[in-house]
Amino acid sequence: MIPPKINKMDKIYKRSGLIVIMAFIFQSIVAQIPPKDHQIIAAVQAVPEEMREGATVLGFNEDGELVTLREGTNGMICLADDPNRKGFNAACYHQDLEPFMARGRELRAEGVSRNQVFETREKEVKSGKLKMPNIPATLHILYGNDAKYDPETEKVTDASIRYVIYIPYATSESTGLPTSPPFPGAPWIMNPGTHTAHIMVTPPKK
């Protein structure tokens, strides 16, 4: 059986259809980016109310690129939830942690694995290339697989909070903290003796 001939117009129609489908997919992805004001309102809920108004907020533009949505005044930086990831996760941290955080984002964008990110930053901190805070600096995380921002109430619902206090190279001996939580909500030290040594505090879910 001789296959039917495909003329030039058929090829053009198929290519046009493919372009339309790709454009639709792209628009769907872009449409997932919440308005700037919604990103800001949701992101700052990771910190206590008294810190929200003056926080710098990093979020996503219409092309999905991470940009500064608002310049702040109080030394806190909030990272808006990534709409292309499952659940909700917003984080706010002290500005002294920005070199550490920015380097992590840079490495992950290059496709570097989690272990490689840790090893790279460990080497760079020890060499003096990457600066870590000289005093404790806090990261606040608002998260949850079922958490979401409600534009009607302007609240993030079904989310949990976690506090991470970075103390580079601290140990259990230097802080008097255990290396695992003795009970829910108790502080403990994670990654002791490394550049990412930090105190973890995860309040029990309500």
N, C-alpha and C. Protein backbone atom coordinates (compact mmCIF):
# COMPACT_ATOMS: atom_id res chain seq x y z
N MET A 1 0.85 -1.20 0.00
CA MET A 1 0.00 0.00 0.00
C MET A 1 0.88 1.25 0.00
N ILE A 2 0.54 2.17 -0.90
CA ILE A 2 1.35 3.39 -1.01
C ILE A 2 0.85 4.41 0.01
N PRO A 3 1.74 4.91 0.89
CA PRO A 3 1.30 5.89 1.90
C PRO A 3 0.85 7.18 1.26
N PRO A 4 -0.12 7.84 1.84
CA PRO A 4 -0.61 9.10 1.26
C PRO A 4 0.47 10.17 1.28
N LYS A 5 0.42 11.02 0.27
CA LYS A 5 1.42 12.08 0.19
C LYS A 5 1.08 13.19 1.18
N ILE A 6 2.10 13.72 1.78
CA ILE A 6 1.91 14.84 2.71
C ILE A 6 2.41 16.09 2.01
N ASN A 7 1.52 16.97 1.66
CA ASN A 7 1.95 18.17 0.95
C ASN A 7 2.50 19.22 1.90
N LYS A 8 2.98 20.30 1.34
CA LYS A 8 3.61 21.35 2.14
C LYS A 8 2.62 21.99 3.11
N MET A 9 1.36 22.12 2.67
CA MET A 9 0.36 22.75 3.53
C MET A 9 0.10 21.90 4.78
N ASP A 10 0.10 20.57 4.60
CA ASP A 10 -0.08 19.69 5.76
C ASP A 10 1.02 19.90 6.78
N LYS A 11 2.26 20.01 6.28
CA LYS A 11 3.40 20.23 7.17
C LYS A 11 3.28 21.55 7.90
N ILE A 12 2.82 22.57 7.16
CA ILE A 12 2.67 23.89 7.77
C ILE A 12 1.63 23.86 8.87
N TYR A 13 0.50 23.17 8.59
CA TYR A 13 -0.56 23.08 9.60
C TYR A 13 -0.07 22.36 10.85
N LYS A 14 0.69 21.28 10.65
CA LYS A 14 1.20 20.52 11.79
C LYS A 14 2.16 21.36 12.63
N ARG A 15 3.04 22.10 11.92
CA ARG A 15 3.99 22.96 12.64
C ARG A 15 3.25 24.05 13.39
N SER A 16 2.23 24.60 12.74
CA SER A 16 1.45 25.67 13.38
C SER A 16 0.75 25.14 14.63
N GLY A 17 0.21 23.91 14.50
CA GLY A 17 -0.46 23.31 15.64
C GLY A 17 0.49 23.09 16.80
N LEU A 18 1.71 22.66 16.48
CA LEU A 18 2.71 22.43 17.51
C LEU A 18 3.07 23.73 18.21
N ILE A 19 3.20 24.80 17.42
CA ILE A 19 3.54 26.11 17.98
C ILE A 19 2.43 26.59 18.91
N VAL A 20 1.17 26.37 18.50
CA VAL A 20 0.04 26.78 19.34
C VAL A 20 0.03 26.02 20.65
N ILE A 21 0.30 24.71 20.59
CA ILE A 21 0.32 23.89 21.80
C ILE A 21 1.43 24.34 22.74
N MET A 22 2.63 24.60 22.17
CA MET A 22 3.76 25.06 22.99
C MET A 22 3.46 26.41 23.62
N ALA A 23 2.81 27.28 22.84
CA ALA A 23 2.47 28.61 23.38
C ALA A 23 1.47 28.48 24.51
N PHE A 24 0.51 27.55 24.37
CA PHE A 24 -0.50 27.33 25.40
C PHE A 24 0.15 26.82 26.69
N ILE A 25 1.09 25.88 26.53
CA ILE A 25 1.80 25.35 27.70
C ILE A 25 2.58 26.44 28.39
N PHE A 26 3.27 27.27 27.60
CA PHE A 26 4.06 28.37 28.17
C PHE A 26 3.17 29.34 28.91
N GLN A 27 2.01 29.69 28.30
CA GLN A 27 1.10 30.63 28.94
C GLN A 27 0.53 30.05 30.24
N SER A 28 0.31 28.71 30.25
CA SER A 28 -0.21 28.07 31.46
C SER A 28 0.78 28.18 32.59
N ILE A 29 2.08 28.01 32.25
CA ILE A 29 3.12 28.10 33.27
C ILE A 29 3.21 29.53 33.80
N VAL A 30 3.20 30.49 32.86
CA VAL A 30 3.29 31.89 33.26
C VAL A 30 2.07 32.28 34.09
N ALA A 31 0.88 31.75 33.74
CA ALA A 31 -0.35 32.11 34.43
C ALA A 31 -0.32 31.66 35.89
N GLN A 32 0.56 30.73 36.21
CA GLN A 32 0.63 30.24 37.58
C GLN A 32 1.33 31.25 38.50
N ILE A 33 2.04 32.21 37.95
CA ILE A 33 2.75 33.19 38.76
C ILE A 33 1.73 34.15 39.37
N PRO A 34 1.61 34.17 40.70
CA PRO A 34 0.63 35.06 41.35
C PRO A 34 1.02 36.53 41.16
N PRO A 35 0.06 37.43 41.31
CA PRO A 35 0.37 38.86 41.24
C PRO A 35 1.42 39.25 42.28
N LYS A 36 2.13 40.29 42.00
CA LYS A 36 3.21 40.75 42.88
C LYS A 36 2.74 40.97 44.31
N ASP A 37 1.61 41.66 44.48
CA ASP A 37 1.15 41.96 45.83
C ASP A 37 0.77 40.70 46.61
N HIS A 38 0.23 39.69 45.91
CA HIS A 38 -0.10 38.44 46.58
C HIS A 38 1.15 37.72 47.04
N GLN A 39 2.18 37.73 46.21
CA GLN A 39 3.44 37.08 46.58
C GLN A 39 4.03 37.73 47.82
N ILE A 40 3.98 39.05 47.86
CA ILE A 40 4.54 39.79 49.00
C ILE A 40 3.77 39.49 50.28
N ILE A 41 2.44 39.59 50.21
CA ILE A 41 1.61 39.36 51.39
C ILE A 41 1.80 37.95 51.94
N ALA A 42 1.89 36.97 51.03
CA ALA A 42 2.06 35.58 51.46
C ALA A 42 3.44 35.33 52.04
N ALA A 43 4.47 35.86 51.39
CA ALA A 43 5.85 35.59 51.80
C ALA A 43 6.16 36.12 53.19
N VAL A 44 5.72 37.33 53.50
CA VAL A 44 6.09 37.94 54.78
C VAL A 44 5.38 37.29 55.97
N GLN A 45 4.41 36.43 55.71
CA GLN A 45 3.73 35.74 56.81
C GLN A 45 4.62 34.70 57.49
N ALA A 46 5.82 34.50 56.93
CA ALA A 46 6.78 33.59 57.55
C ALA A 46 7.43 34.21 58.78
N VAL A 47 7.37 35.53 58.91
CA VAL A 47 8.00 36.21 60.06
C VAL A 47 6.94 36.83 60.96
N PRO A 48 7.31 37.14 62.21
CA PRO A 48 6.37 37.81 63.11
C PRO A 48 5.86 39.10 62.49
N GLU A 49 4.66 39.49 62.83
CA GLU A 49 3.99 40.64 62.21
C GLU A 49 4.82 41.92 62.29
N GLU A 50 5.53 42.11 63.38
CA GLU A 50 6.30 43.35 63.55
C GLU A 50 7.44 43.49 62.54
N MET A 51 7.83 42.38 61.89
CA MET A 51 8.92 42.42 60.92
C MET A 51 8.45 42.47 59.47
N ARG A 52 7.16 42.34 59.24
CA ARG A 52 6.66 42.17 57.88
C ARG A 52 6.76 43.41 57.00
N GLU A 53 6.39 44.54 57.53
CA GLU A 53 6.32 45.75 56.72
C GLU A 53 7.68 46.16 56.15
N GLY A 54 8.75 45.94 56.91
CA GLY A 54 10.06 46.40 56.47
C GLY A 54 10.92 45.37 55.77
N ALA A 55 10.36 44.20 55.49
CA ALA A 55 11.16 43.12 54.88
C ALA A 55 11.30 43.29 53.37
N THR A 56 12.49 43.00 52.88
CA THR A 56 12.70 42.90 51.43
C THR A 56 12.04 41.60 50.97
N VAL A 57 11.44 41.62 49.79
CA VAL A 57 10.78 40.41 49.28
C VAL A 57 11.30 40.05 47.89
N LEU A 58 11.77 38.81 47.77
CA LEU A 58 12.18 38.27 46.48
C LEU A 58 11.07 37.36 46.00
N GLY A 59 10.70 37.49 44.73
CA GLY A 59 9.64 36.67 44.17
C GLY A 59 9.84 36.49 42.68
N PHE A 60 8.77 36.17 41.99
CA PHE A 60 8.88 35.79 40.58
C PHE A 60 8.14 36.77 39.66
N ASN A 61 8.81 37.10 38.53
CA ASN A 61 8.16 37.96 37.54
C ASN A 61 7.34 37.11 36.59
N GLU A 62 6.78 37.71 35.55
CA GLU A 62 5.90 37.01 34.63
C GLU A 62 6.61 35.90 33.86
N ASP A 63 7.94 36.00 33.77
CA ASP A 63 8.71 34.97 33.07
C ASP A 63 9.21 33.88 34.00
N GLY A 64 8.81 33.96 35.28
CA GLY A 64 9.23 32.95 36.24
C GLY A 64 10.63 33.18 36.78
N GLU A 65 11.19 34.36 36.55
CA GLU A 65 12.54 34.67 37.04
C GLU A 65 12.46 35.25 38.45
N LEU A 66 13.45 34.90 39.28
CA LEU A 66 13.50 35.43 40.65
C LEU A 66 14.00 36.86 40.61
N VAL A 67 13.20 37.77 41.14
CA VAL A 67 13.54 39.20 41.13
C VAL A 67 13.18 39.80 42.49
N THR A 68 13.62 41.03 42.71
CA THR A 68 13.25 41.75 43.92
C THR A 68 11.89 42.40 43.70
N LEU A 69 10.90 41.97 44.47
CA LEU A 69 9.56 42.53 44.35
C LEU A 69 9.41 43.79 45.19
N ARG A 70 10.16 43.85 46.30
CA ARG A 70 10.07 45.02 47.17
C ARG A 70 11.36 45.19 47.95
N GLU A 71 11.86 46.39 47.99
CA GLU A 71 13.04 46.70 48.80
C GLU A 71 12.61 46.95 50.23
N GLY A 72 13.39 46.43 51.18
CA GLY A 72 13.02 46.56 52.58
C GLY A 72 13.95 47.49 53.36
N THR A 73 13.68 47.58 54.67
CA THR A 73 14.43 48.51 55.51
C THR A 73 14.91 47.90 56.82
N ASN A 74 14.47 46.67 57.15
CA ASN A 74 14.76 46.15 58.49
C ASN A 74 15.77 45.00 58.53
N GLY A 75 16.41 44.71 57.40
CA GLY A 75 17.44 43.67 57.41
C GLY A 75 16.92 42.26 57.21
N MET A 76 15.61 42.11 56.98
CA MET A 76 15.04 40.79 56.73
C MET A 76 14.75 40.63 55.23
N ILE A 77 15.01 39.43 54.72
CA ILE A 77 14.74 39.12 53.32
C ILE A 77 13.77 37.94 53.26
N CYS A 78 12.68 38.10 52.53
CA CYS A 78 11.69 37.03 52.40
C CYS A 78 11.69 36.50 50.97
N LEU A 79 11.66 35.19 50.86
CA LEU A 79 11.63 34.52 49.57
C LEU A 79 10.23 33.95 49.35
N ALA A 80 9.56 34.40 48.31
CA ALA A 80 8.18 33.99 48.05
C ALA A 80 8.11 32.52 47.63
N ASP A 81 6.94 31.96 47.80
CA ASP A 81 6.68 30.59 47.40
C ASP A 81 6.86 30.43 45.89
N ASP A 82 7.48 29.32 45.48
CA ASP A 82 7.64 29.01 44.06
C ASP A 82 6.35 28.32 43.59
N PRO A 83 5.56 28.96 42.73
CA PRO A 83 4.27 28.40 42.32
C PRO A 83 4.38 27.13 41.50
N ASN A 84 5.56 26.84 40.99
CA ASN A 84 5.74 25.62 40.19
C ASN A 84 6.16 24.42 41.03
N ARG A 85 6.18 24.59 42.35
CA ARG A 85 6.49 23.47 43.24
C ARG A 85 5.27 23.11 44.07
N LYS A 86 5.17 21.87 44.44
CA LYS A 86 4.02 21.38 45.18
C LYS A 86 3.97 22.01 46.57
N GLY A 87 2.76 22.27 47.04
CA GLY A 87 2.60 22.82 48.37
C GLY A 87 2.98 24.29 48.44
N PHE A 88 3.33 24.71 49.65
CA PHE A 88 3.70 26.11 49.88
C PHE A 88 4.96 26.15 50.72
N ASN A 89 5.87 27.06 50.37
CA ASN A 89 7.10 27.22 51.14
C ASN A 89 7.62 28.64 50.95
N ALA A 90 7.51 29.42 52.00
CA ALA A 90 8.06 30.78 52.00
C ALA A 90 9.08 30.86 53.13
N ALA A 91 10.16 31.58 52.89
CA ALA A 91 11.22 31.68 53.90
C ALA A 91 11.67 33.12 54.05
N CYS A 92 11.94 33.51 55.28
CA CYS A 92 12.47 34.84 55.56
C CYS A 92 13.73 34.67 56.41
N TYR A 93 14.75 35.41 56.09
CA TYR A 93 16.02 35.26 56.81
C TYR A 93 16.74 36.60 56.96
N HIS A 94 17.66 36.63 57.92
CA HIS A 94 18.43 37.84 58.16
C HIS A 94 19.36 38.10 56.98
N GLN A 95 19.57 39.37 56.66
CA GLN A 95 20.35 39.75 55.49
C GLN A 95 21.79 39.21 55.51
N ASP A 96 22.33 38.91 56.70
CA ASP A 96 23.69 38.37 56.78
C ASP A 96 23.78 36.97 56.18
N LEU A 97 22.63 36.32 55.99
CA LEU A 97 22.60 34.99 55.39
C LEU A 97 22.47 35.03 53.87
N GLU A 98 22.29 36.22 53.29
CA GLU A 98 22.04 36.32 51.86
C GLU A 98 23.17 35.74 50.99
N PRO A 99 24.46 36.00 51.30
CA PRO A 99 25.51 35.38 50.47
C PRO A 99 25.40 33.85 50.45
N PHE A 100 25.13 33.26 51.60
CA PHE A 100 24.97 31.81 51.72
C PHE A 100 23.75 31.33 50.94
N MET A 101 22.63 32.02 51.09
CA MET A 101 21.40 31.64 50.39
C MET A 101 21.53 31.83 48.89
N ALA A 102 22.09 32.95 48.48
CA ALA A 102 22.23 33.24 47.05
C ALA A 102 23.15 32.23 46.37
N ARG A 103 24.21 31.84 47.06
CA ARG A 103 25.13 30.85 46.49
C ARG A 103 24.42 29.51 46.32
N GLY A 104 23.58 29.15 47.27
CA GLY A 104 22.82 27.92 47.15
C GLY A 104 21.89 27.95 45.96
N ARG A 105 21.19 29.07 45.76
CA ARG A 105 20.29 29.19 44.61
C ARG A 105 21.06 29.09 43.30
N GLU A 106 22.23 29.70 43.29
CA GLU A 106 23.06 29.68 42.09
C GLU A 106 23.51 28.27 41.73
N LEU A 107 23.95 27.53 42.72
CA LEU A 107 24.42 26.16 42.49
C LEU A 107 23.27 25.24 42.07
N ARG A 108 22.12 25.39 42.72
CA ARG A 108 20.97 24.55 42.35
C ARG A 108 20.49 24.84 40.95
N ALA A 109 20.59 26.10 40.52
CA ALA A 109 20.20 26.47 39.16
C ALA A 109 21.12 25.81 38.13
N GLU A 110 22.34 25.50 38.55
CA GLU A 110 23.30 24.83 37.67
C GLU A 110 23.10 23.32 37.65
N GLY A 111 22.13 22.84 38.45
CA GLY A 111 21.85 21.41 38.48
C GLY A 111 22.71 20.63 39.45
N VAL A 112 23.36 21.34 40.37
CA VAL A 112 24.24 20.69 41.34
C VAL A 112 23.38 19.96 42.38
N SER A 113 23.81 18.76 42.78
CA SER A 113 23.06 17.97 43.75
C SER A 113 23.13 18.60 45.14
N ARG A 114 22.25 18.14 46.02
CA ARG A 114 22.19 18.69 47.38
C ARG A 114 23.51 18.48 48.12
N ASN A 115 24.09 17.29 47.99
CA ASN A 115 25.37 17.02 48.65
C ASN A 115 26.49 17.88 48.09
N GLN A 116 26.45 18.10 46.77
CA GLN A 116 27.48 18.93 46.15
C GLN A 116 27.35 20.39 46.55
N VAL A 117 26.11 20.83 46.74
CA VAL A 117 25.88 22.20 47.22
C VAL A 117 26.52 22.37 48.59
N PHE A 118 26.28 21.38 49.47
CA PHE A 118 26.85 21.43 50.82
C PHE A 118 28.38 21.44 50.76
N GLU A 119 28.96 20.54 49.99
CA GLU A 119 30.41 20.42 49.91
C GLU A 119 31.05 21.66 49.31
N THR A 120 30.41 22.22 48.28
CA THR A 120 30.95 23.42 47.64
C THR A 120 30.95 24.60 48.59
N ARG A 121 29.84 24.81 49.27
CA ARG A 121 29.77 25.94 50.20
C ARG A 121 30.68 25.74 51.40
N GLU A 122 30.83 24.49 51.85
CA GLU A 122 31.74 24.21 52.96
C GLU A 122 33.17 24.63 52.60
N LYS A 123 33.60 24.26 51.40
CA LYS A 123 34.96 24.61 50.94
C LYS A 123 35.11 26.11 50.80
N GLU A 124 34.08 26.76 50.25
CA GLU A 124 34.17 28.20 50.01
C GLU A 124 34.14 29.00 51.31
N VAL A 125 33.40 28.51 52.31
CA VAL A 125 33.39 29.20 53.61
C VAL A 125 34.75 29.06 54.28
N LYS A 126 35.31 27.86 54.24
CA LYS A 126 36.62 27.63 54.86
C LYS A 126 37.73 28.42 54.18
N SER A 127 37.60 28.62 52.87
CA SER A 127 38.62 29.36 52.12
C SER A 127 38.44 30.88 52.25
N GLY A 128 37.30 31.29 52.78
CA GLY A 128 37.02 32.72 52.92
C GLY A 128 36.31 33.32 51.72
N LYS A 129 36.06 32.51 50.71
CA LYS A 129 35.38 33.00 49.51
C LYS A 129 33.92 33.31 49.80
N LEU A 130 33.28 32.51 50.64
CA LEU A 130 31.88 32.70 50.98
C LEU A 130 31.77 33.10 52.44
N LYS A 131 31.08 34.18 52.68
CA LYS A 131 30.97 34.71 54.04
C LYS A 131 29.72 34.23 54.75
N MET A 132 29.91 33.77 55.99
CA MET A 132 28.78 33.39 56.85
C MET A 132 28.69 34.40 58.00
N PRO A 133 27.53 34.51 58.65
CA PRO A 133 27.37 35.46 59.75
C PRO A 133 28.35 35.19 60.89
N ASN A 134 28.81 36.26 61.53
CA ASN A 134 29.70 36.13 62.68
C ASN A 134 28.93 35.87 63.97
N ILE A 135 27.65 36.19 63.96
CA ILE A 135 26.79 35.95 65.11
C ILE A 135 25.56 35.19 64.64
N PRO A 136 24.79 34.58 65.55
CA PRO A 136 23.62 33.81 65.13
C PRO A 136 22.67 34.61 64.23
N ALA A 137 22.16 33.95 63.20
CA ALA A 137 21.23 34.59 62.26
C ALA A 137 20.09 33.61 61.99
N THR A 138 18.88 34.14 61.97
CA THR A 138 17.70 33.27 61.92
C THR A 138 17.03 33.21 60.55
N LEU A 139 16.55 31.99 60.25
CA LEU A 139 15.74 31.72 59.07
C LEU A 139 14.36 31.27 59.55
N HIS A 140 13.31 31.89 59.04
CA HIS A 140 11.94 31.52 59.37
C HIS A 140 11.33 30.84 58.15
N ILE A 141 10.70 29.68 58.33
CA ILE A 141 10.12 28.95 57.21
C ILE A 141 8.64 28.68 57.47
N LEU A 142 7.79 29.06 56.51
CA LEU A 142 6.36 28.78 56.56
C LEU A 142 6.09 27.77 55.44
N TYR A 143 5.61 26.58 55.78
CA TYR A 143 5.57 25.52 54.79
C TYR A 143 4.42 24.54 55.01
N GLY A 144 4.18 23.71 54.00
CA GLY A 144 3.19 22.65 54.12
C GLY A 144 2.77 22.13 52.77
N ASN A 145 2.65 20.81 52.64
CA ASN A 145 2.23 20.21 51.38
C ASN A 145 0.81 20.61 51.00
N ASP A 146 -0.03 20.83 52.02
CA ASP A 146 -1.41 21.22 51.77
C ASP A 146 -1.64 22.71 52.02
N ALA A 147 -0.58 23.43 52.33
CA ALA A 147 -0.70 24.86 52.61
C ALA A 147 -0.91 25.64 51.32
N LYS A 148 -1.62 26.76 51.43
CA LYS A 148 -1.84 27.61 50.25
C LYS A 148 -2.24 29.01 50.69
N TYR A 149 -2.03 29.94 49.79
CA TYR A 149 -2.41 31.33 50.06
C TYR A 149 -3.82 31.57 49.54
N ASP A 150 -4.66 32.14 50.39
CA ASP A 150 -6.03 32.45 50.02
C ASP A 150 -6.15 33.94 49.71
N PRO A 151 -6.32 34.33 48.45
CA PRO A 151 -6.42 35.75 48.09
C PRO A 151 -7.58 36.47 48.75
N GLU A 152 -8.64 35.72 49.08
CA GLU A 152 -9.82 36.33 49.69
C GLU A 152 -9.52 36.82 51.11
N THR A 153 -8.87 35.97 51.89
CA THR A 153 -8.57 36.32 53.28
C THR A 153 -7.17 36.91 53.44
N GLU A 154 -6.35 36.76 52.39
CA GLU A 154 -4.94 37.20 52.41
C GLU A 154 -4.17 36.47 53.50
N LYS A 155 -4.52 35.20 53.71
CA LYS A 155 -3.84 34.38 54.71
C LYS A 155 -3.32 33.09 54.08
N VAL A 156 -2.20 32.60 54.63
CA VAL A 156 -1.69 31.29 54.24
C VAL A 156 -2.30 30.28 55.20
N THR A 157 -3.02 29.30 54.67
CA THR A 157 -3.72 28.33 55.51
C THR A 157 -3.03 26.98 55.50
N ASP A 158 -3.29 26.21 56.57
CA ASP A 158 -2.78 24.84 56.70
C ASP A 158 -1.25 24.76 56.62
N ALA A 159 -0.57 25.77 57.14
CA ALA A 159 0.89 25.81 57.09
C ALA A 159 1.50 25.63 58.48
N SER A 160 2.71 25.16 58.52
CA SER A 160 3.48 25.02 59.75
C SER A 160 4.65 25.99 59.72
N ILE A 161 5.23 26.24 60.87
CA ILE A 161 6.36 27.17 60.96
C ILE A 161 7.58 26.44 61.51
N ARG A 162 8.75 26.86 61.08
CA ARG A 162 9.99 26.30 61.60
C ARG A 162 11.01 27.44 61.72
N TYR A 163 11.83 27.38 62.77
CA TYR A 163 12.87 28.37 62.98
C TYR A 163 14.23 27.70 62.89
N VAL A 164 15.11 28.29 62.12
CA VAL A 164 16.46 27.77 61.94
C VAL A 164 17.44 28.88 62.30
N ILE A 165 18.24 28.66 63.33
CA ILE A 165 19.18 29.68 63.79
C ILE A 165 20.60 29.22 63.46
N TYR A 166 21.18 29.86 62.46
CA TYR A 166 22.52 29.46 62.00
C TYR A 166 23.61 29.94 62.95
N ILE A 167 24.45 29.00 63.37
CA ILE A 167 25.63 29.30 64.18
C ILE A 167 26.78 28.48 63.58
N PRO A 168 27.43 28.98 62.54
CA PRO A 168 28.45 28.20 61.83
C PRO A 168 29.49 27.57 62.76
N TYR A 169 29.70 26.28 62.55
CA TYR A 169 30.71 25.47 63.24
C TYR A 169 30.43 25.25 64.72
N ALA A 170 29.22 25.57 65.17
CA ALA A 170 28.84 25.28 66.55
C ALA A 170 28.67 23.77 66.72
N THR A 171 28.79 23.30 67.93
CA THR A 171 28.65 21.87 68.23
C THR A 171 27.72 21.69 69.43
N SER A 172 27.43 20.46 69.72
CA SER A 172 26.63 20.16 70.89
C SER A 172 27.35 20.62 72.15
N GLU A 173 28.66 20.45 72.15
CA GLU A 173 29.48 20.84 73.32
C GLU A 173 29.52 22.35 73.49
N SER A 174 29.54 23.10 72.38
CA SER A 174 29.66 24.56 72.48
C SER A 174 28.31 25.23 72.77
N THR A 175 27.22 24.52 72.54
CA THR A 175 25.90 25.11 72.74
C THR A 175 25.10 24.47 73.87
N GLY A 176 25.46 23.24 74.25
CA GLY A 176 24.69 22.53 75.26
C GLY A 176 23.39 21.96 74.72
N LEU A 177 23.29 21.85 73.38
CA LEU A 177 22.08 21.33 72.76
C LEU A 177 22.28 19.90 72.26
N PRO A 178 21.24 19.08 72.27
CA PRO A 178 21.35 17.71 71.75
C PRO A 178 21.39 17.73 70.22
N THR A 179 21.79 16.62 69.63
CA THR A 179 21.88 16.52 68.17
C THR A 179 20.61 15.92 67.56
N SER A 180 19.58 15.75 68.36
CA SER A 180 18.26 15.34 67.88
C SER A 180 17.24 15.86 68.87
N PRO A 181 16.02 16.12 68.44
CA PRO A 181 15.01 16.69 69.35
C PRO A 181 14.57 15.68 70.41
N PRO A 182 14.72 15.99 71.69
CA PRO A 182 14.31 15.07 72.76
C PRO A 182 12.80 14.92 72.86
N PHE A 183 12.06 15.92 72.38
CA PHE A 183 10.59 15.85 72.34
C PHE A 183 10.12 16.87 71.30
N PRO A 184 8.90 16.74 70.78
CA PRO A 184 8.40 17.64 69.75
C PRO A 184 8.48 19.11 70.16
N GLY A 185 9.09 19.91 69.30
CA GLY A 185 9.20 21.33 69.56
C GLY A 185 10.45 21.75 70.30
N ALA A 186 11.22 20.79 70.80
CA ALA A 186 12.44 21.13 71.55
C ALA A 186 13.55 21.54 70.59
N PRO A 187 14.39 22.51 70.99
CA PRO A 187 15.51 22.92 70.13
C PRO A 187 16.61 21.86 70.11
N TRP A 188 17.27 21.74 68.98
CA TRP A 188 18.40 20.83 68.85
C TRP A 188 19.34 21.36 67.78
N ILE A 189 20.55 20.85 67.73
CA ILE A 189 21.52 21.35 66.77
C ILE A 189 21.72 20.34 65.63
N MET A 190 21.67 20.84 64.41
CA MET A 190 21.80 20.02 63.21
C MET A 190 23.08 20.39 62.47
N ASN A 191 23.69 19.40 61.85
CA ASN A 191 24.96 19.60 61.12
C ASN A 191 26.04 20.24 62.00
N PRO A 192 26.20 19.77 63.23
CA PRO A 192 27.20 20.39 64.12
C PRO A 192 28.61 20.30 63.54
N GLY A 193 29.40 21.34 63.82
CA GLY A 193 30.78 21.35 63.38
C GLY A 193 30.99 21.71 61.92
N THR A 194 29.92 22.14 61.23
CA THR A 194 30.04 22.52 59.82
C THR A 194 29.60 23.96 59.62
N HIS A 195 29.76 24.45 58.39
CA HIS A 195 29.35 25.83 58.12
C HIS A 195 27.84 26.00 58.21
N THR A 196 27.09 24.91 58.10
CA THR A 196 25.63 24.99 58.19
C THR A 196 25.09 24.58 59.56
N ALA A 197 25.93 24.51 60.56
CA ALA A 197 25.46 24.18 61.90
C ALA A 197 24.35 25.16 62.29
N HIS A 198 23.23 24.60 62.76
CA HIS A 198 22.12 25.48 63.11
C HIS A 198 21.21 24.84 64.16
N ILE A 199 20.57 25.70 64.91
CA ILE A 199 19.60 25.26 65.91
C ILE A 199 18.24 25.15 65.23
N MET A 200 17.61 23.99 65.39
CA MET A 200 16.30 23.75 64.80
C MET A 200 15.22 23.84 65.88
N VAL A 201 14.16 24.60 65.54
CA VAL A 201 13.01 24.66 66.44
C VAL A 201 11.76 24.51 65.58
N THR A 202 11.06 23.39 65.76
CA THR A 202 9.86 23.12 64.98
C THR A 202 8.68 22.95 65.93
N PRO A 203 7.92 24.02 66.15
CA PRO A 203 6.77 23.92 67.06
C PRO A 203 5.81 22.83 66.60
N PRO A 204 5.22 22.09 67.53
CA PRO A 204 4.25 21.05 67.16
C PRO A 204 3.09 21.65 66.39
N LYS A 205 2.54 20.89 65.45
CA LYS A 205 1.40 21.36 64.68
C LYS A 205 0.20 21.54 65.58
N LYS A 206 -0.59 22.56 65.28
CA LYS A 206 -1.79 22.83 66.08
C LYS A 206 -2.83 21.74 65.81
